[in-house]
Amino acid sequence: MSKLKNKVIGITLGDPAGIGPEVTAKALKELRLNSVTHIKIIGQKALLQPYLTKFPKNCSVLNCVPPFSQNIIPGMPNLETARASLFFLDKAIKLIKTNEISALVTAPVCKETICDLGYPFLGHTEYLAQAFHTKKFAMMFVSDKLRTMIVTRHLPIRMVPAAIRKNTIFENIFLGQEALQSYFHIRSPRIAVCGLNPHAGEGGTIGKEELTEIIPAIQKAQRSGIQVDGPFAADTLFMLSQTKAFDLIIAMYHDQGLIPIKTLYFNTVVNLTVGLPFVRTSPAHGTAFDIAGKNKANPSSMLAAIALAIKLSA
């Protein structure tokens, strides 16, 4: 993709019944844009107006769906709100492909209601990868003091061990190295890899995956010149004294990597998709239907997601 003269950051509003419109509006109030950055909201202006009466300079809204047939009730997702969230996303994909936006920030959607439409929707990450024919991609969670990646994403725990394979682990290490170099300008990143089992398997006495899959992947990466170590026991690796030694920690499954970083830095964690031909970020939280429409949502993660998209698309 060619670079745009001015940076245009697209933001999809996610499920209209969730907190996506609220956190987007609140983030826009706090955002300070320079003269070469423009924000294009992909959704409906009416969804933002309860939280934002005056739009900042260099910000526009692309109203891209017809009026809803019924009132949107915050906290009450349905097939229509699911259809709208998918419509916003599909429109954003078209804008990226026609080079009208240079980066994308996505507010949260409801996977369950989108699947009820008949789509096998695993999440934004997989949907965008498929749209851009990207075979190798990963989720990186970014905060000021810690970055994590996960080898397996939205996979039931019972299916995780079978998915832990040497080539997949190596691919994540390689993608992590590339992202750290190209996005964060770290010339020689230091990467740590978690074990799958308690105590990283303890030499094979508590599971064999470390011996058969994880260590061979680390060794392959080391032979490629990547500074990577492990496998480390996950229950101690995320201690603050340990994380300072690494630019990235690669976990084996969703909760192993996300519980520590969200516990420590929940309000500022950003989900960055690595491997796509453009920058895509999102707040690292869900639709929060339980507080939608109550003006209680914290916009910090959305604000961080927008700021990171602007920074990385420079």
C-alpha atoms as a PDB file:
ATOM      1  CA  MET A   1       0.000   0.000   0.000  1.00  0.00           C
ATOM      2  CA  SER A   2       1.281   3.459  -0.852  1.00  0.00           C
ATOM      3  CA  LYS A   3       1.548   6.049   1.888  1.00  0.00           C
ATOM      4  CA  LEU A   4      -1.075   8.770   2.065  1.00  0.00           C
ATOM      5  CA  LYS A   5       0.200  12.358   2.148  1.00  0.00           C
ATOM      6  CA  ASN A   6      -1.862  12.885   5.284  1.00  0.00           C
ATOM      7  CA  LYS A   7      -2.539  10.157   7.816  1.00  0.00           C
ATOM      8  CA  VAL A   8      -6.187   9.146   7.819  1.00  0.00           C
ATOM      9  CA  ILE A   9      -7.055   6.886  10.746  1.00  0.00           C
ATOM     10  CA  GLY A  10     -10.313   4.978  10.371  1.00  0.00           C
ATOM     11  CA  ILE A  11     -12.292   4.025  13.476  1.00  0.00           C
ATOM     12  CA  THR A  12     -15.155   1.530  13.299  1.00  0.00           C
ATOM     13  CA  LEU A  13     -17.736   1.956  16.056  1.00  0.00           C
ATOM     14  CA  GLY A  14     -18.266  -1.743  16.755  1.00  0.00           C
ATOM     15  CA  ASP A  15     -21.579  -3.033  18.056  1.00  0.00           C
ATOM     16  CA  PRO A  16     -23.909  -0.013  18.450  1.00  0.00           C
ATOM     17  CA  ALA A  17     -25.371  -1.529  21.615  1.00  0.00           C
ATOM     18  CA  GLY A  18     -21.945  -1.781  23.273  1.00  0.00           C
ATOM     19  CA  ILE A  19     -19.543   0.803  24.635  1.00  0.00           C
ATOM     20  CA  GLY A  20     -17.732   1.334  21.321  1.00  0.00           C
ATOM     21  CA  PRO A  21     -19.485   4.623  20.463  1.00  0.00           C
ATOM     22  CA  GLU A  22     -19.050   5.912  24.020  1.00  0.00           C
ATOM     23  CA  VAL A  23     -15.331   5.191  24.361  1.00  0.00           C
ATOM     24  CA  THR A  24     -14.697   6.514  20.848  1.00  0.00           C
ATOM     25  CA  ALA A  25     -16.509   9.786  21.595  1.00  0.00           C
ATOM     26  CA  LYS A  26     -14.745  10.219  24.932  1.00  0.00           C
ATOM     27  CA  ALA A  27     -11.366   9.456  23.369  1.00  0.00           C
ATOM     28  CA  LEU A  28     -11.953  12.056  20.671  1.00  0.00           C
ATOM     29  CA  LYS A  29     -12.549  14.680  23.358  1.00  0.00           C
ATOM     30  CA  GLU A  30      -9.097  14.008  24.789  1.00  0.00           C
ATOM     31  CA  LEU A  31      -7.259  13.466  21.512  1.00  0.00           C
ATOM     32  CA  ARG A  32      -4.880  16.141  20.296  1.00  0.00           C
ATOM     33  CA  LEU A  33      -4.402  15.812  16.538  1.00  0.00           C
ATOM     34  CA  ASN A  34      -1.657  17.395  14.488  1.00  0.00           C
ATOM     35  CA  SER A  35      -2.392  19.054  11.154  1.00  0.00           C
ATOM     36  CA  VAL A  36      -1.490  16.007   9.049  1.00  0.00           C
ATOM     37  CA  THR A  37      -3.688  13.501  10.880  1.00  0.00           C
ATOM     38  CA  HIS A  38      -7.377  13.057  10.142  1.00  0.00           C
ATOM     39  CA  ILE A  39      -9.821  10.776  11.948  1.00  0.00           C
ATOM     40  CA  LYS A  40     -12.585   9.170   9.917  1.00  0.00           C
ATOM     41  CA  ILE A  41     -15.336   7.570  12.005  1.00  0.00           C
ATOM     42  CA  ILE A  42     -16.984   4.665  10.207  1.00  0.00           C
ATOM     43  CA  GLY A  43     -20.479   4.201  11.592  1.00  0.00           C
ATOM     44  CA  GLN A  44     -23.259   6.631  12.371  1.00  0.00           C
ATOM     45  CA  LYS A  45     -22.969  10.125  13.810  1.00  0.00           C
ATOM     46  CA  ALA A  46     -26.122   9.614  15.894  1.00  0.00           C
ATOM     47  CA  LEU A  47     -24.353   6.900  17.904  1.00  0.00           C
ATOM     48  CA  LEU A  48     -21.731   9.395  19.061  1.00  0.00           C
ATOM     49  CA  GLN A  49     -23.938  12.387  19.770  1.00  0.00           C
ATOM     50  CA  PRO A  50     -25.057  11.356  23.295  1.00  0.00           C
ATOM     51  CA  TYR A  51     -21.396  11.630  24.331  1.00  0.00           C
ATOM     52  CA  LEU A  52     -19.965  14.184  21.885  1.00  0.00           C
ATOM     53  CA  THR A  53     -21.784  17.330  20.803  1.00  0.00           C
ATOM     54  CA  LYS A  54     -18.849  19.057  19.131  1.00  0.00           C
ATOM     55  CA  PHE A  55     -16.505  17.122  16.894  1.00  0.00           C
ATOM     56  CA  PRO A  56     -12.818  18.040  17.009  1.00  0.00           C
ATOM     57  CA  LYS A  57     -11.016  19.478  14.033  1.00  0.00           C
ATOM     58  CA  ASN A  58      -9.665  16.970  11.521  1.00  0.00           C
ATOM     59  CA  CYS A  59     -12.432  14.517  12.366  1.00  0.00           C
ATOM     60  CA  SER A  60     -15.307  13.392  10.153  1.00  0.00           C
ATOM     61  CA  VAL A  61     -18.022  10.755  10.266  1.00  0.00           C
ATOM     62  CA  LEU A  62     -18.876   8.449   7.398  1.00  0.00           C
ATOM     63  CA  ASN A  63     -22.541   7.493   7.876  1.00  0.00           C
ATOM     64  CA  CYS A  64     -22.442   4.155   6.148  1.00  0.00           C
ATOM     65  CA  VAL A  65     -25.653   2.350   7.070  1.00  0.00           C
ATOM     66  CA  PRO A  66     -29.322   3.319   6.616  1.00  0.00           C
ATOM     67  CA  PRO A  67     -31.351   4.250   9.722  1.00  0.00           C
ATOM     68  CA  PHE A  68     -32.005   1.354  12.074  1.00  0.00           C
ATOM     69  CA  SER A  69     -35.504  -0.095  11.923  1.00  0.00           C
ATOM     70  CA  GLN A  70     -35.761   0.088  15.699  1.00  0.00           C
ATOM     71  CA  ASN A  71     -34.215   2.103  18.485  1.00  0.00           C
ATOM     72  CA  ILE A  72     -30.820   0.917  19.623  1.00  0.00           C
ATOM     73  CA  ILE A  73     -31.017  -0.009  23.279  1.00  0.00           C
ATOM     74  CA  PRO A  74     -27.611   0.125  24.978  1.00  0.00           C
ATOM     75  CA  GLY A  75     -26.716  -3.220  26.436  1.00  0.00           C
ATOM     76  CA  MET A  76     -29.219  -5.078  24.237  1.00  0.00           C
ATOM     77  CA  PRO A  77     -27.424  -6.495  21.176  1.00  0.00           C
ATOM     78  CA  ASN A  78     -29.496  -8.084  18.428  1.00  0.00           C
ATOM     79  CA  LEU A  79     -29.131  -9.229  14.841  1.00  0.00           C
ATOM     80  CA  GLU A  80     -29.474  -5.678  13.581  1.00  0.00           C
ATOM     81  CA  THR A  81     -26.664  -4.301  15.741  1.00  0.00           C
ATOM     82  CA  ALA A  82     -24.522  -7.280  14.745  1.00  0.00           C
ATOM     83  CA  ARG A  83     -25.236  -6.609  11.077  1.00  0.00           C
ATOM     84  CA  ALA A  84     -24.328  -2.952  11.531  1.00  0.00           C
ATOM     85  CA  SER A  85     -21.017  -3.749  13.241  1.00  0.00           C
ATOM     86  CA  LEU A  86     -20.077  -6.074  10.407  1.00  0.00           C
ATOM     87  CA  PHE A  87     -21.156  -3.457   7.862  1.00  0.00           C
ATOM     88  CA  PHE A  88     -18.874  -0.874   9.507  1.00  0.00           C
ATOM     89  CA  LEU A  89     -15.969  -3.312   9.319  1.00  0.00           C
ATOM     90  CA  ASP A  90     -16.585  -4.255   5.688  1.00  0.00           C
ATOM     91  CA  LYS A  91     -16.718  -0.568   4.772  1.00  0.00           C
ATOM     92  CA  ALA A  92     -13.406   0.008   6.534  1.00  0.00           C
ATOM     93  CA  ILE A  93     -11.836  -2.850   4.580  1.00  0.00           C
ATOM     94  CA  LYS A  94     -12.923  -1.212   1.319  1.00  0.00           C
ATOM     95  CA  LEU A  95     -11.455   2.123   2.437  1.00  0.00           C
ATOM     96  CA  ILE A  96      -8.125   0.484   3.226  1.00  0.00           C
ATOM     97  CA  LYS A  97      -8.037  -1.320  -0.107  1.00  0.00           C
ATOM     98  CA  THR A  98      -8.744   1.933  -1.966  1.00  0.00           C
ATOM     99  CA  ASN A  99      -6.060   3.713   0.086  1.00  0.00           C
ATOM    100  CA  GLU A 100      -8.556   6.138   1.650  1.00  0.00           C
ATOM    101  CA  ILE A 101      -7.446   5.328   5.183  1.00  0.00           C
ATOM    102  CA  SER A 102      -3.931   4.431   6.280  1.00  0.00           C
ATOM    103  CA  ALA A 103      -4.662   2.686   9.578  1.00  0.00           C
ATOM    104  CA  LEU A 104      -7.656   1.166  11.346  1.00  0.00           C
ATOM    105  CA  VAL A 105      -8.852   1.219  14.938  1.00  0.00           C
ATOM    106  CA  THR A 106     -11.729  -1.122  15.727  1.00  0.00           C
ATOM    107  CA  ALA A 107     -14.169  -0.733  18.607  1.00  0.00           C
ATOM    108  CA  PRO A 108     -15.405  -4.034  20.075  1.00  0.00           C
ATOM    109  CA  VAL A 109     -18.021  -6.212  18.410  1.00  0.00           C
ATOM    110  CA  CYS A 110     -20.076  -9.126  19.736  1.00  0.00           C
ATOM    111  CA  LYS A 111     -18.830 -12.367  18.186  1.00  0.00           C
ATOM    112  CA  GLU A 112     -21.862 -14.294  19.398  1.00  0.00           C
ATOM    113  CA  THR A 113     -24.471 -12.137  17.658  1.00  0.00           C
ATOM    114  CA  ILE A 114     -22.399 -11.920  14.458  1.00  0.00           C
ATOM    115  CA  CYS A 115     -22.236 -15.718  14.426  1.00  0.00           C
ATOM    116  CA  ASP A 116     -26.021 -15.724  14.835  1.00  0.00           C
ATOM    117  CA  LEU A 117     -26.142 -14.014  11.435  1.00  0.00           C
ATOM    118  CA  GLY A 118     -24.612 -17.137   9.946  1.00  0.00           C
ATOM    119  CA  TYR A 119     -20.984 -15.957   9.786  1.00  0.00           C
ATOM    120  CA  PRO A 120     -18.263 -18.147  11.356  1.00  0.00           C
ATOM    121  CA  PHE A 121     -16.780 -15.036  12.983  1.00  0.00           C
ATOM    122  CA  LEU A 122     -13.758 -15.708  15.209  1.00  0.00           C
ATOM    123  CA  GLY A 123     -12.847 -12.058  15.687  1.00  0.00           C
ATOM    124  CA  HIS A 124     -11.511  -8.933  14.005  1.00  0.00           C
ATOM    125  CA  THR A 125      -8.024 -10.416  13.699  1.00  0.00           C
ATOM    126  CA  GLU A 126      -9.025 -13.458  11.685  1.00  0.00           C
ATOM    127  CA  TYR A 127     -11.639 -11.546   9.647  1.00  0.00           C
ATOM    128  CA  LEU A 128      -9.131  -8.901   8.553  1.00  0.00           C
ATOM    129  CA  ALA A 129      -6.453 -11.487   7.810  1.00  0.00           C
ATOM    130  CA  GLN A 130      -8.869 -13.336   5.541  1.00  0.00           C
ATOM    131  CA  ALA A 131      -9.937 -10.125   3.802  1.00  0.00           C
ATOM    132  CA  PHE A 132      -6.322  -9.311   2.959  1.00  0.00           C
ATOM    133  CA  HIS A 133      -5.261 -12.901   2.208  1.00  0.00           C
ATOM    134  CA  THR A 134      -2.770 -12.815   5.065  1.00  0.00           C
ATOM    135  CA  LYS A 135      -1.598 -16.264   6.137  1.00  0.00           C
ATOM    136  CA  LYS A 136       0.858 -15.319   8.865  1.00  0.00           C
ATOM    137  CA  PHE A 137      -0.484 -12.961  11.506  1.00  0.00           C
ATOM    138  CA  ALA A 138      -0.670 -12.628  15.264  1.00  0.00           C
ATOM    139  CA  MET A 139      -2.078 -10.595  18.148  1.00  0.00           C
ATOM    140  CA  MET A 140       0.344  -8.398  20.075  1.00  0.00           C
ATOM    141  CA  PHE A 141      -0.848  -6.688  23.238  1.00  0.00           C
ATOM    142  CA  VAL A 142       0.973  -3.442  23.873  1.00  0.00           C
ATOM    143  CA  SER A 143       1.368  -1.303  26.979  1.00  0.00           C
ATOM    144  CA  ASP A 144       4.055   1.192  27.909  1.00  0.00           C
ATOM    145  CA  LYS A 145       5.984  -1.352  29.981  1.00  0.00           C
ATOM    146  CA  LEU A 146       5.030  -4.746  28.585  1.00  0.00           C
ATOM    147  CA  ARG A 147       4.227  -6.414  25.254  1.00  0.00           C
ATOM    148  CA  THR A 148       2.826  -9.916  24.891  1.00  0.00           C
ATOM    149  CA  MET A 149       1.832 -12.201  22.034  1.00  0.00           C
ATOM    150  CA  ILE A 150      -0.181 -15.415  22.132  1.00  0.00           C
ATOM    151  CA  VAL A 151       0.556 -18.470  20.007  1.00  0.00           C
ATOM    152  CA  THR A 152      -3.062 -19.667  20.093  1.00  0.00           C
ATOM    153  CA  ARG A 153      -5.883 -17.134  20.081  1.00  0.00           C
ATOM    154  CA  HIS A 154      -9.581 -17.820  20.663  1.00  0.00           C
ATOM    155  CA  LEU A 155      -9.265 -21.546  21.196  1.00  0.00           C
ATOM    156  CA  PRO A 156     -10.904 -23.724  23.868  1.00  0.00           C
ATOM    157  CA  ILE A 157      -8.397 -24.802  26.510  1.00  0.00           C
ATOM    158  CA  ARG A 158      -8.903 -28.490  25.700  1.00  0.00           C
ATOM    159  CA  MET A 159      -7.666 -27.808  22.140  1.00  0.00           C
ATOM    160  CA  VAL A 160      -4.584 -25.804  23.083  1.00  0.00           C
ATOM    161  CA  PRO A 161      -1.997 -28.618  23.559  1.00  0.00           C
ATOM    162  CA  ALA A 162      -2.654 -30.019  20.082  1.00  0.00           C
ATOM    163  CA  ALA A 163      -2.190 -26.547  18.588  1.00  0.00           C
ATOM    164  CA  ILE A 164       1.221 -25.983  20.198  1.00  0.00           C
ATOM    165  CA  ARG A 165       3.498 -26.838  17.281  1.00  0.00           C
ATOM    166  CA  LYS A 166       7.108 -25.939  16.562  1.00  0.00           C
ATOM    167  CA  ASN A 167       6.380 -24.160  13.287  1.00  0.00           C
ATOM    168  CA  THR A 168       3.565 -22.081  14.787  1.00  0.00           C
ATOM    169  CA  ILE A 169       5.714 -21.014  17.728  1.00  0.00           C
ATOM    170  CA  PHE A 170       8.605 -20.111  15.422  1.00  0.00           C
ATOM    171  CA  GLU A 171       6.220 -18.127  13.223  1.00  0.00           C
ATOM    172  CA  ASN A 172       5.088 -16.088  16.245  1.00  0.00           C
ATOM    173  CA  ILE A 173       8.675 -15.451  17.335  1.00  0.00           C
ATOM    174  CA  PHE A 174       9.536 -14.311  13.802  1.00  0.00           C
ATOM    175  CA  LEU A 175       6.450 -12.065  13.532  1.00  0.00           C
ATOM    176  CA  GLY A 176       7.218 -10.590  16.934  1.00  0.00           C
ATOM    177  CA  GLN A 177      10.793  -9.831  15.902  1.00  0.00           C
ATOM    178  CA  GLU A 178       9.618  -8.157  12.682  1.00  0.00           C
ATOM    179  CA  ALA A 179       7.002  -6.051  14.486  1.00  0.00           C
ATOM    180  CA  LEU A 180       9.418  -4.899  17.161  1.00  0.00           C
ATOM    181  CA  GLN A 181      11.901  -3.833  14.516  1.00  0.00           C
ATOM    182  CA  SER A 182       9.541  -2.222  12.013  1.00  0.00           C
ATOM    183  CA  TYR A 183       6.929  -0.693  14.340  1.00  0.00           C
ATOM    184  CA  PHE A 184       8.897   0.025  17.508  1.00  0.00           C
ATOM    185  CA  HIS A 185      12.356   0.512  15.938  1.00  0.00           C
ATOM    186  CA  ILE A 186      14.078  -1.904  18.315  1.00  0.00           C
ATOM    187  CA  ARG A 187      17.124  -3.068  16.378  1.00  0.00           C
ATOM    188  CA  SER A 188      17.886  -6.210  18.407  1.00  0.00           C
ATOM    189  CA  PRO A 189      14.730  -7.193  20.323  1.00  0.00           C
ATOM    190  CA  ARG A 190      14.899  -9.471  23.331  1.00  0.00           C
ATOM    191  CA  ILE A 191      12.110 -12.047  23.340  1.00  0.00           C
ATOM    192  CA  ALA A 192      11.022 -14.464  26.057  1.00  0.00           C
ATOM    193  CA  VAL A 193       8.864 -17.550  25.459  1.00  0.00           C
ATOM    194  CA  CYS A 194       6.564 -19.123  28.053  1.00  0.00           C
ATOM    195  CA  GLY A 195       6.246 -22.822  28.604  1.00  0.00           C
ATOM    196  CA  LEU A 196       2.847 -24.446  28.232  1.00  0.00           C
ATOM    197  CA  ASN A 197       2.868 -26.592  31.355  1.00  0.00           C
ATOM    198  CA  PRO A 198       3.411 -25.699  35.027  1.00  0.00           C
ATOM    199  CA  HIS A 199       7.098 -24.965  35.711  1.00  0.00           C
ATOM    200  CA  ALA A 200       7.676 -25.112  31.925  1.00  0.00           C
ATOM    201  CA  GLY A 201       7.245 -28.868  32.047  1.00  0.00           C
ATOM    202  CA  GLU A 202      10.049 -29.513  34.552  1.00  0.00           C
ATOM    203  CA  GLY A 203      12.201 -31.454  32.129  1.00  0.00           C
ATOM    204  CA  GLY A 204       9.281 -33.445  30.781  1.00  0.00           C
ATOM    205  CA  THR A 205       7.887 -34.613  34.105  1.00  0.00           C
ATOM    206  CA  ILE A 206       4.850 -32.304  33.786  1.00  0.00           C
ATOM    207  CA  GLY A 207       4.145 -32.537  30.072  1.00  0.00           C
ATOM    208  CA  LYS A 208       6.281 -33.002  26.985  1.00  0.00           C
ATOM    209  CA  GLU A 209       5.332 -29.999  24.822  1.00  0.00           C
ATOM    210  CA  GLU A 210       8.336 -27.981  25.982  1.00  0.00           C
ATOM    211  CA  LEU A 211      10.731 -30.726  24.871  1.00  0.00           C
ATOM    212  CA  THR A 212       9.018 -31.671  21.625  1.00  0.00           C
ATOM    213  CA  GLU A 213       7.729 -28.334  20.310  1.00  0.00           C
ATOM    214  CA  ILE A 214       8.678 -25.218  22.263  1.00  0.00           C
ATOM    215  CA  ILE A 215      12.428 -25.727  22.755  1.00  0.00           C
ATOM    216  CA  PRO A 216      12.980 -26.784  19.117  1.00  0.00           C
ATOM    217  CA  ALA A 217      11.140 -23.632  17.974  1.00  0.00           C
ATOM    218  CA  ILE A 218      13.303 -21.442  20.212  1.00  0.00           C
ATOM    219  CA  GLN A 219      16.458 -23.142  18.954  1.00  0.00           C
ATOM    220  CA  LYS A 220      15.396 -22.628  15.337  1.00  0.00           C
ATOM    221  CA  ALA A 221      14.798 -18.937  16.026  1.00  0.00           C
ATOM    222  CA  GLN A 222      18.173 -18.614  17.745  1.00  0.00           C
ATOM    223  CA  ARG A 223      19.870 -20.154  14.711  1.00  0.00           C
ATOM    224  CA  SER A 224      18.125 -17.465  12.656  1.00  0.00           C
ATOM    225  CA  GLY A 225      19.816 -14.785  14.717  1.00  0.00           C
ATOM    226  CA  ILE A 226      16.853 -13.865  16.947  1.00  0.00           C
ATOM    227  CA  GLN A 227      17.567 -13.070  20.597  1.00  0.00           C
ATOM    228  CA  VAL A 228      15.017 -15.354  22.191  1.00  0.00           C
ATOM    229  CA  ASP A 229      15.120 -17.340  25.425  1.00  0.00           C
ATOM    230  CA  GLY A 230      12.946 -19.854  27.233  1.00  0.00           C
ATOM    231  CA  PRO A 231      10.781 -21.663  27.857  1.00  0.00           C
ATOM    232  CA  PHE A 232      10.134 -19.884  31.136  1.00  0.00           C
ATOM    233  CA  ALA A 233       7.618 -20.788  33.804  1.00  0.00           C
ATOM    234  CA  ALA A 234       4.722 -18.398  33.212  1.00  0.00           C
ATOM    235  CA  ASP A 235       3.896 -18.016  36.903  1.00  0.00           C
ATOM    236  CA  THR A 236       7.121 -16.064  37.537  1.00  0.00           C
ATOM    237  CA  LEU A 237       7.996 -14.614  34.124  1.00  0.00           C
ATOM    238  CA  PHE A 238       5.492 -11.771  34.422  1.00  0.00           C
ATOM    239  CA  MET A 239       6.988 -10.393  37.637  1.00  0.00           C
ATOM    240  CA  LEU A 240       7.937  -6.763  37.009  1.00  0.00           C
ATOM    241  CA  SER A 241      11.589  -7.512  37.779  1.00  0.00           C
ATOM    242  CA  GLN A 242      11.559 -10.123  35.000  1.00  0.00           C
ATOM    243  CA  THR A 243       9.614  -8.295  32.304  1.00  0.00           C
ATOM    244  CA  LYS A 244      12.115  -5.430  32.293  1.00  0.00           C
ATOM    245  CA  ALA A 245      14.640  -7.773  30.664  1.00  0.00           C
ATOM    246  CA  PHE A 246      12.505  -8.395  27.567  1.00  0.00           C
ATOM    247  CA  ASP A 247      10.879  -6.397  24.775  1.00  0.00           C
ATOM    248  CA  LEU A 248       8.242  -9.080  24.201  1.00  0.00           C
ATOM    249  CA  ILE A 249       6.864 -12.133  25.984  1.00  0.00           C
ATOM    250  CA  ILE A 250       5.256 -14.841  23.884  1.00  0.00           C
ATOM    251  CA  ALA A 251       2.628 -16.905  25.718  1.00  0.00           C
ATOM    252  CA  MET A 252       1.187 -20.188  24.554  1.00  0.00           C
ATOM    253  CA  TYR A 253      -2.520 -19.435  24.970  1.00  0.00           C
ATOM    254  CA  HIS A 254      -4.995 -16.600  25.440  1.00  0.00           C
ATOM    255  CA  ASP A 255      -5.333 -16.321  29.218  1.00  0.00           C
ATOM    256  CA  GLN A 256      -1.683 -17.117  29.907  1.00  0.00           C
ATOM    257  CA  GLY A 257      -0.664 -13.961  28.075  1.00  0.00           C
ATOM    258  CA  LEU A 258      -3.636 -11.693  28.686  1.00  0.00           C
ATOM    259  CA  ILE A 259      -4.309 -12.137  32.393  1.00  0.00           C
ATOM    260  CA  PRO A 260      -0.934 -10.658  33.429  1.00  0.00           C
ATOM    261  CA  ILE A 261      -0.893  -7.693  31.050  1.00  0.00           C
ATOM    262  CA  LYS A 262      -4.552  -6.815  31.644  1.00  0.00           C
ATOM    263  CA  THR A 263      -4.147  -7.139  35.401  1.00  0.00           C
ATOM    264  CA  LEU A 264      -1.173  -4.793  35.376  1.00  0.00           C
ATOM    265  CA  TYR A 265      -2.154  -2.327  32.652  1.00  0.00           C
ATOM    266  CA  PHE A 266      -5.833  -2.865  31.808  1.00  0.00           C
ATOM    267  CA  ASN A 267      -6.742   0.758  31.084  1.00  0.00           C
ATOM    268  CA  THR A 268      -3.942   1.313  28.578  1.00  0.00           C
ATOM    269  CA  VAL A 269      -3.465  -2.048  26.850  1.00  0.00           C
ATOM    270  CA  VAL A 270      -3.836  -2.011  23.068  1.00  0.00           C
ATOM    271  CA  ASN A 271      -4.364  -4.982  20.767  1.00  0.00           C
ATOM    272  CA  LEU A 272      -2.100  -4.657  17.704  1.00  0.00           C
ATOM    273  CA  THR A 273      -2.471  -7.078  14.799  1.00  0.00           C
ATOM    274  CA  VAL A 274       0.937  -7.928  13.364  1.00  0.00           C
ATOM    275  CA  GLY A 275       1.366  -9.359   9.874  1.00  0.00           C
ATOM    276  CA  LEU A 276      -1.303  -7.265   8.115  1.00  0.00           C
ATOM    277  CA  PRO A 277      -0.285  -4.849   5.314  1.00  0.00           C
ATOM    278  CA  PHE A 278      -1.551  -1.924   7.385  1.00  0.00           C
ATOM    279  CA  VAL A 279      -1.717  -0.837  11.024  1.00  0.00           C
ATOM    280  CA  ARG A 280      -4.697  -2.144  12.948  1.00  0.00           C
ATOM    281  CA  THR A 281      -5.235  -1.547  16.648  1.00  0.00           C
ATOM    282  CA  SER A 282      -8.114  -1.910  19.084  1.00  0.00           C
ATOM    283  CA  PRO A 283      -8.823  -1.383  22.767  1.00  0.00           C
ATOM    284  CA  ALA A 284      -8.141  -4.567  24.685  1.00  0.00           C
ATOM    285  CA  HIS A 285     -11.645  -4.920  26.097  1.00  0.00           C
ATOM    286  CA  GLY A 286     -15.029  -6.111  24.921  1.00  0.00           C
ATOM    287  CA  THR A 287     -18.451  -4.594  24.333  1.00  0.00           C
ATOM    288  CA  ALA A 288     -19.220  -4.309  28.074  1.00  0.00           C
ATOM    289  CA  PHE A 289     -22.971  -4.489  27.509  1.00  0.00           C
ATOM    290  CA  ASP A 290     -23.497  -4.351  31.286  1.00  0.00           C
ATOM    291  CA  ILE A 291     -22.409  -0.691  31.432  1.00  0.00           C
ATOM    292  CA  ALA A 292     -23.342   0.411  27.907  1.00  0.00           C
ATOM    293  CA  GLY A 293     -25.354   3.626  27.834  1.00  0.00           C
ATOM    294  CA  LYS A 294     -24.596   4.463  31.480  1.00  0.00           C
ATOM    295  CA  ASN A 295     -21.730   6.880  30.771  1.00  0.00           C
ATOM    296  CA  LYS A 296     -19.411   4.726  32.880  1.00  0.00           C
ATOM    297  CA  ALA A 297     -17.023   3.424  30.228  1.00  0.00           C
ATOM    298  CA  ASN A 298     -13.345   4.323  30.566  1.00  0.00           C
ATOM    299  CA  PRO A 299     -11.937   5.509  27.204  1.00  0.00           C
ATOM    300  CA  SER A 300      -8.260   5.067  28.153  1.00  0.00           C
ATOM    301  CA  SER A 301      -7.672   1.895  26.124  1.00  0.00           C
ATOM    302  CA  MET A 302      -9.430   3.362  23.068  1.00  0.00           C
ATOM    303  CA  LEU A 303      -7.420   6.563  23.404  1.00  0.00           C
ATOM    304  CA  ALA A 304      -4.222   4.489  23.589  1.00  0.00           C
ATOM    305  CA  ALA A 305      -5.328   2.459  20.544  1.00  0.00           C
ATOM    306  CA  ILE A 306      -5.889   5.603  18.474  1.00  0.00           C
ATOM    307  CA  ALA A 307      -2.598   7.116  19.621  1.00  0.00           C
ATOM    308  CA  LEU A 308      -0.703   3.936  18.768  1.00  0.00           C
ATOM    309  CA  ALA A 309      -2.312   3.730  15.317  1.00  0.00           C
ATOM    310  CA  ILE A 310      -1.258   7.320  14.633  1.00  0.00           C
ATOM    311  CA  LYS A 311       2.272   6.672  15.857  1.00  0.00           C
ATOM    312  CA  LEU A 312       2.812   3.422  13.962  1.00  0.00           C
ATOM    313  CA  SER A 313       1.379   4.690  10.683  1.00  0.00           C
ATOM    314  CA  ALA A 314       3.965   7.486  10.494  1.00  0.00           C
END
